[in-house]
Amino acid sequence: MADWKQVDLHIHTAVSPCADEEMTPWNIVRMAQLEGLKLIAVTDHNTIANAWAVIEVGEELGLTVLPGIEVQTREEVHLLGIFPTLEQASAFQELIWDHLPDKPNHPEIFGEQILYDSSDRPIGMEGRLLLQSLLLGVEEVGAAIAAHGGLTIAAHVNRRSYSLISQLAMVPEGLRLDAVEIDRSLSYQGFINEYEELSCYPILCSSDAHRLTDLVGSFRPWLLLDEASFAALKELLLSDDCSRIQYR
């Protein structure tokens, strides 16, 4: 039976160099549960390297965790790809890494890119710089996400940098979006008033958490879902039934 579930589809782990070291698998899952979340997605910059560990912890503690990725396109637009399985997410990452410049990370400039296992033990560092643009454009990235069974969400579209609006001022005709994301700085109604041209898409507010305190708050949407799963999320986003998305 369907019921209302609070979700957050944009959470970073410590492999994102701009995220705090405290963004470990156990910390993320436990904080999400304290906030009453039933479904989350791990979306690090240009990698899924820590997603498996968060998924394992979620399975142990009873929280659904979806593998995702925040891609920076050639135009410096951030798109979220949310996937049903790790295998599909891994295949997508393998594809885009062929188009990610092989530049080394400099931790003293960008921050460390820490890899964790499912016991919160550091197991290494990602050596390639993650905070950079792919050589693929938004339409190519969106098509690749869909080809790998994923959902494409335009990240933080109300921001003045790294968003579709800031970089392109429009949604390209060849880009199929499943939803648009806003950050907590703008209310749902405020977004509708300011960006009427995007009101045709499902609108989701996410934390874009880079530290644990980012997960605290009542800004996220409640979704009417049959279950906390990728399949149920996809069914809702494709249903065009906005009454199943609420903000409280």
Protein backbone atom coordinates (compact mmCIF):
# COMPACT_ATOMS: atom_id res chain seq x y z
CA MET A 1 0.00 0.00 0.00
CA ALA A 2 1.33 3.42 -0.94
CA ASP A 3 2.34 5.82 1.80
CA TRP A 4 4.31 9.05 2.13
CA LYS A 5 8.07 8.73 2.25
CA GLN A 6 10.64 11.48 2.69
CA VAL A 7 13.55 11.21 0.26
CA ASP A 8 16.91 12.85 -0.47
CA LEU A 9 18.47 12.10 -3.85
CA HIS A 10 21.65 14.19 -3.63
CA ILE A 11 24.17 13.20 -0.95
CA HIS A 12 27.96 13.23 -1.20
CA THR A 13 30.47 11.00 0.54
CA ALA A 14 34.05 11.87 1.40
CA VAL A 15 35.31 10.79 -2.03
CA SER A 16 33.97 14.12 -3.27
CA PRO A 17 36.88 16.44 -2.47
CA CYS A 18 34.53 19.23 -1.40
CA ALA A 19 32.86 16.97 1.20
CA ASP A 20 33.91 16.52 4.82
CA GLU A 21 35.73 13.41 6.05
CA GLU A 22 32.74 12.75 8.32
CA MET A 23 30.67 11.76 5.27
CA THR A 24 31.27 8.05 5.82
CA PRO A 25 28.80 5.26 4.99
CA TRP A 26 27.65 4.68 8.58
CA ASN A 27 27.40 8.39 9.41
CA ILE A 28 25.33 9.08 6.31
CA VAL A 29 22.88 6.22 6.83
CA ARG A 30 22.41 6.85 10.54
CA MET A 31 21.88 10.58 10.06
CA ALA A 32 19.41 9.91 7.24
CA GLN A 33 17.45 7.60 9.51
CA LEU A 34 17.47 10.13 12.33
CA GLU A 35 15.92 12.59 9.87
CA GLY A 36 13.21 10.07 8.96
CA LEU A 37 14.37 9.45 5.40
CA LYS A 38 13.24 6.25 3.68
CA LEU A 39 15.08 6.57 0.38
CA ILE A 40 18.39 8.27 -0.42
CA ALA A 41 20.86 8.38 -3.29
CA VAL A 42 24.64 8.68 -3.10
CA THR A 43 25.75 11.15 -5.78
CA ASP A 44 29.44 11.96 -5.70
CA HIS A 45 31.17 14.06 -8.32
CA ASN A 46 31.87 11.98 -11.43
CA THR A 47 32.23 8.70 -9.49
CA ILE A 48 30.27 5.94 -7.76
CA ALA A 49 33.32 4.68 -5.86
CA ASN A 50 31.76 4.84 -2.36
CA ALA A 51 28.19 3.97 -3.33
CA TRP A 52 28.57 0.22 -2.73
CA ALA A 53 29.65 0.78 0.87
CA VAL A 54 26.72 3.06 1.69
CA ILE A 55 24.33 0.59 0.04
CA GLU A 56 25.70 -2.24 2.21
CA VAL A 57 25.22 -0.19 5.38
CA GLY A 58 21.72 0.76 4.25
CA GLU A 59 20.85 -2.90 3.76
CA GLU A 60 22.10 -3.69 7.26
CA LEU A 61 20.19 -0.85 8.91
CA GLY A 62 17.05 -0.94 6.76
CA LEU A 63 17.42 2.15 4.57
CA THR A 64 17.10 2.06 0.78
CA VAL A 65 20.19 3.58 -0.84
CA LEU A 66 20.36 4.09 -4.59
CA PRO A 67 23.63 4.41 -6.52
CA GLY A 68 23.96 7.74 -8.26
CA ILE A 69 26.47 10.21 -9.62
CA GLU A 70 26.69 13.98 -10.08
CA VAL A 71 28.15 14.55 -13.53
CA GLN A 72 29.74 17.82 -14.61
CA THR A 73 29.19 18.18 -18.34
CA ARG A 74 31.30 20.01 -20.91
CA GLU A 75 29.14 23.10 -20.35
CA GLU A 76 29.77 22.92 -16.55
CA VAL A 77 26.19 21.81 -15.96
CA HIS A 78 25.59 19.40 -13.09
CA LEU A 79 23.27 16.49 -13.84
CA LEU A 80 22.31 13.73 -11.43
CA GLY A 81 22.10 10.17 -12.68
CA ILE A 82 20.19 7.80 -10.37
CA PHE A 83 20.41 4.09 -11.17
CA PRO A 84 18.54 0.92 -10.17
CA THR A 85 21.66 -1.22 -9.65
CA LEU A 86 25.35 -0.87 -8.95
CA GLU A 87 26.09 -2.78 -12.14
CA GLN A 88 24.29 -0.20 -14.28
CA ALA A 89 25.86 2.68 -12.37
CA SER A 90 29.31 1.11 -12.79
CA ALA A 91 28.82 0.68 -16.53
CA PHE A 92 27.80 4.33 -16.78
CA GLN A 93 30.85 5.47 -14.84
CA GLU A 94 33.12 3.38 -17.04
CA LEU A 95 31.66 5.14 -20.08
CA ILE A 96 32.01 8.67 -18.76
CA TRP A 97 35.51 8.09 -17.39
CA ASP A 98 36.64 7.60 -20.96
CA HIS A 99 35.68 11.28 -21.32
CA LEU A 100 37.03 12.58 -18.00
CA PRO A 101 40.46 14.22 -18.38
CA ASP A 102 43.15 12.19 -16.65
CA LYS A 103 44.31 14.98 -14.36
CA PRO A 104 45.66 14.15 -10.90
CA ASN A 105 43.96 15.46 -7.79
CA HIS A 106 45.95 17.90 -5.67
CA PRO A 107 44.52 17.41 -2.15
CA GLU A 108 46.14 20.57 -0.83
CA ILE A 109 44.07 22.55 -3.35
CA PHE A 110 40.87 20.58 -3.92
CA GLY A 111 40.64 18.35 -0.85
CA GLU A 112 41.14 14.64 -0.27
CA GLN A 113 39.09 12.08 -2.19
CA ILE A 114 38.67 9.35 0.44
CA LEU A 115 37.49 5.83 -0.33
CA TYR A 116 35.71 3.98 2.50
CA ASP A 117 34.59 0.41 3.02
CA SER A 118 31.29 -0.52 4.65
CA SER A 119 32.88 -0.44 8.11
CA ASP A 120 33.93 3.21 7.70
CA ARG A 121 37.57 2.25 7.25
CA PRO A 122 39.53 4.39 4.78
CA ILE A 123 40.78 2.05 2.05
CA GLY A 124 42.51 4.48 -0.27
CA MET A 125 42.31 7.72 -2.18
CA GLU A 126 40.89 8.41 -5.62
CA GLY A 127 43.82 9.78 -7.60
CA ARG A 128 42.04 11.34 -10.55
CA LEU A 129 40.62 14.82 -10.03
CA LEU A 130 36.83 14.54 -9.73
CA LEU A 131 36.01 18.26 -9.72
CA GLN A 132 36.26 18.81 -13.46
CA SER A 133 34.11 18.71 -16.58
CA LEU A 134 33.65 15.76 -18.88
CA LEU A 135 34.27 16.16 -22.58
CA LEU A 136 30.60 15.24 -23.12
CA GLY A 137 27.73 17.72 -23.42
CA VAL A 138 24.44 17.69 -21.51
CA GLU A 139 22.50 15.90 -24.22
CA GLU A 140 25.14 13.18 -24.51
CA VAL A 141 25.25 12.67 -20.75
CA GLY A 142 21.47 12.57 -20.46
CA ALA A 143 21.25 10.00 -23.25
CA ALA A 144 23.94 7.88 -21.59
CA ILE A 145 22.13 7.93 -18.24
CA ALA A 146 18.92 6.77 -19.92
CA ALA A 147 20.77 4.10 -21.91
CA HIS A 148 22.04 2.65 -18.64
CA GLY A 149 18.56 2.55 -17.11
CA GLY A 150 18.95 5.66 -15.00
CA LEU A 151 16.91 8.74 -14.16
CA THR A 152 18.23 12.16 -15.18
CA ILE A 153 17.71 15.05 -12.77
CA ALA A 154 18.94 18.59 -13.39
CA ALA A 155 20.83 19.48 -10.22
CA HIS A 156 20.20 22.65 -8.18
CA VAL A 157 18.68 24.51 -11.15
CA ASN A 158 18.11 27.66 -9.09
CA ARG A 159 21.82 28.24 -8.46
CA ARG A 160 23.91 30.82 -10.28
CA SER A 161 26.62 28.33 -11.17
CA TYR A 162 26.82 24.74 -12.39
CA SER A 163 23.13 24.58 -13.29
CA LEU A 164 21.17 24.34 -16.51
CA ILE A 165 19.79 27.82 -16.01
CA SER A 166 23.10 29.49 -15.11
CA GLN A 167 25.04 27.85 -17.92
CA LEU A 168 22.51 27.46 -20.74
CA ALA A 169 19.47 29.50 -19.66
CA MET A 170 17.26 26.74 -21.06
CA VAL A 171 16.65 23.01 -21.30
CA PRO A 172 18.12 21.81 -24.62
CA GLU A 173 15.59 20.11 -26.88
CA GLY A 174 17.64 16.94 -26.96
CA LEU A 175 17.86 16.57 -23.16
CA ARG A 176 15.22 14.38 -21.57
CA LEU A 177 14.82 15.24 -17.91
CA ASP A 178 12.94 13.09 -15.42
CA ALA A 179 12.92 15.83 -12.75
CA VAL A 180 14.55 19.09 -11.71
CA GLU A 181 16.17 19.67 -8.35
CA ILE A 182 16.14 22.83 -6.27
CA ASP A 183 18.19 23.52 -3.17
CA ARG A 184 16.89 24.55 0.22
CA SER A 185 17.52 28.25 -0.44
CA LEU A 186 14.29 28.45 -2.46
CA SER A 187 10.85 27.17 -1.51
CA TYR A 188 8.77 25.06 -3.85
CA GLN A 189 6.29 27.89 -4.44
CA GLY A 190 9.11 30.39 -4.84
CA PHE A 191 10.62 28.21 -7.53
CA ILE A 192 7.31 27.92 -9.37
CA ASN A 193 6.92 31.70 -9.31
CA GLU A 194 10.47 32.36 -10.53
CA TYR A 195 10.95 29.50 -12.99
CA GLU A 196 7.51 28.90 -14.46
CA GLU A 197 9.04 27.37 -17.59
CA LEU A 198 10.34 24.45 -15.50
CA SER A 199 7.11 23.80 -13.62
CA CYS A 200 6.21 21.06 -16.10
CA TYR A 201 8.82 18.78 -14.48
CA PRO A 202 8.60 17.01 -11.13
CA ILE A 203 10.37 19.29 -8.64
CA LEU A 204 12.50 17.73 -5.93
CA CYS A 205 14.40 19.56 -3.21
CA SER A 206 17.52 17.75 -2.03
CA SER A 207 20.21 18.50 0.52
CA ASP A 208 23.29 18.27 -1.75
CA ALA A 209 24.86 17.26 1.55
CA HIS A 210 28.62 17.70 1.85
CA ARG A 211 28.60 17.48 5.66
CA LEU A 212 26.31 15.76 8.15
CA THR A 213 24.59 18.96 9.27
CA ASP A 214 23.43 19.48 5.67
CA LEU A 215 21.11 16.51 6.18
CA VAL A 216 19.21 18.24 8.98
CA GLY A 217 15.97 20.02 8.09
CA SER A 218 12.43 19.71 6.77
CA PHE A 219 13.05 21.01 3.25
CA ARG A 220 12.85 17.68 1.42
CA PRO A 221 9.80 16.37 -0.44
CA TRP A 222 7.46 13.63 0.66
CA LEU A 223 6.65 11.20 -2.13
CA LEU A 224 3.63 8.90 -2.26
CA LEU A 225 5.30 5.60 -3.11
CA ASP A 226 4.26 1.96 -3.01
CA GLU A 227 7.71 1.14 -1.65
CA ALA A 228 11.10 2.74 -1.14
CA SER A 229 12.69 1.55 -4.38
CA PHE A 230 14.06 2.76 -7.69
CA ALA A 231 11.10 1.22 -9.53
CA ALA A 232 8.59 3.11 -7.38
CA LEU A 233 10.54 6.36 -7.73
CA LYS A 234 10.69 5.99 -11.51
CA GLU A 235 6.98 5.21 -11.71
CA LEU A 236 6.16 8.37 -9.76
CA LEU A 237 8.42 10.65 -11.79
CA LEU A 238 7.02 9.35 -15.07
CA SER A 239 3.40 9.53 -13.89
CA ASP A 240 3.05 13.33 -14.19
CA ASP A 241 1.00 13.17 -10.98
CA CYS A 242 2.32 16.13 -9.01
CA SER A 243 -0.20 15.47 -6.23
CA ARG A 244 2.11 12.63 -5.15
CA ILE A 245 4.89 15.12 -4.31
CA GLN A 246 4.33 17.23 -1.21
CA TYR A 247 6.30 19.72 0.88
CA ARG A 248 5.40 20.10 4.54
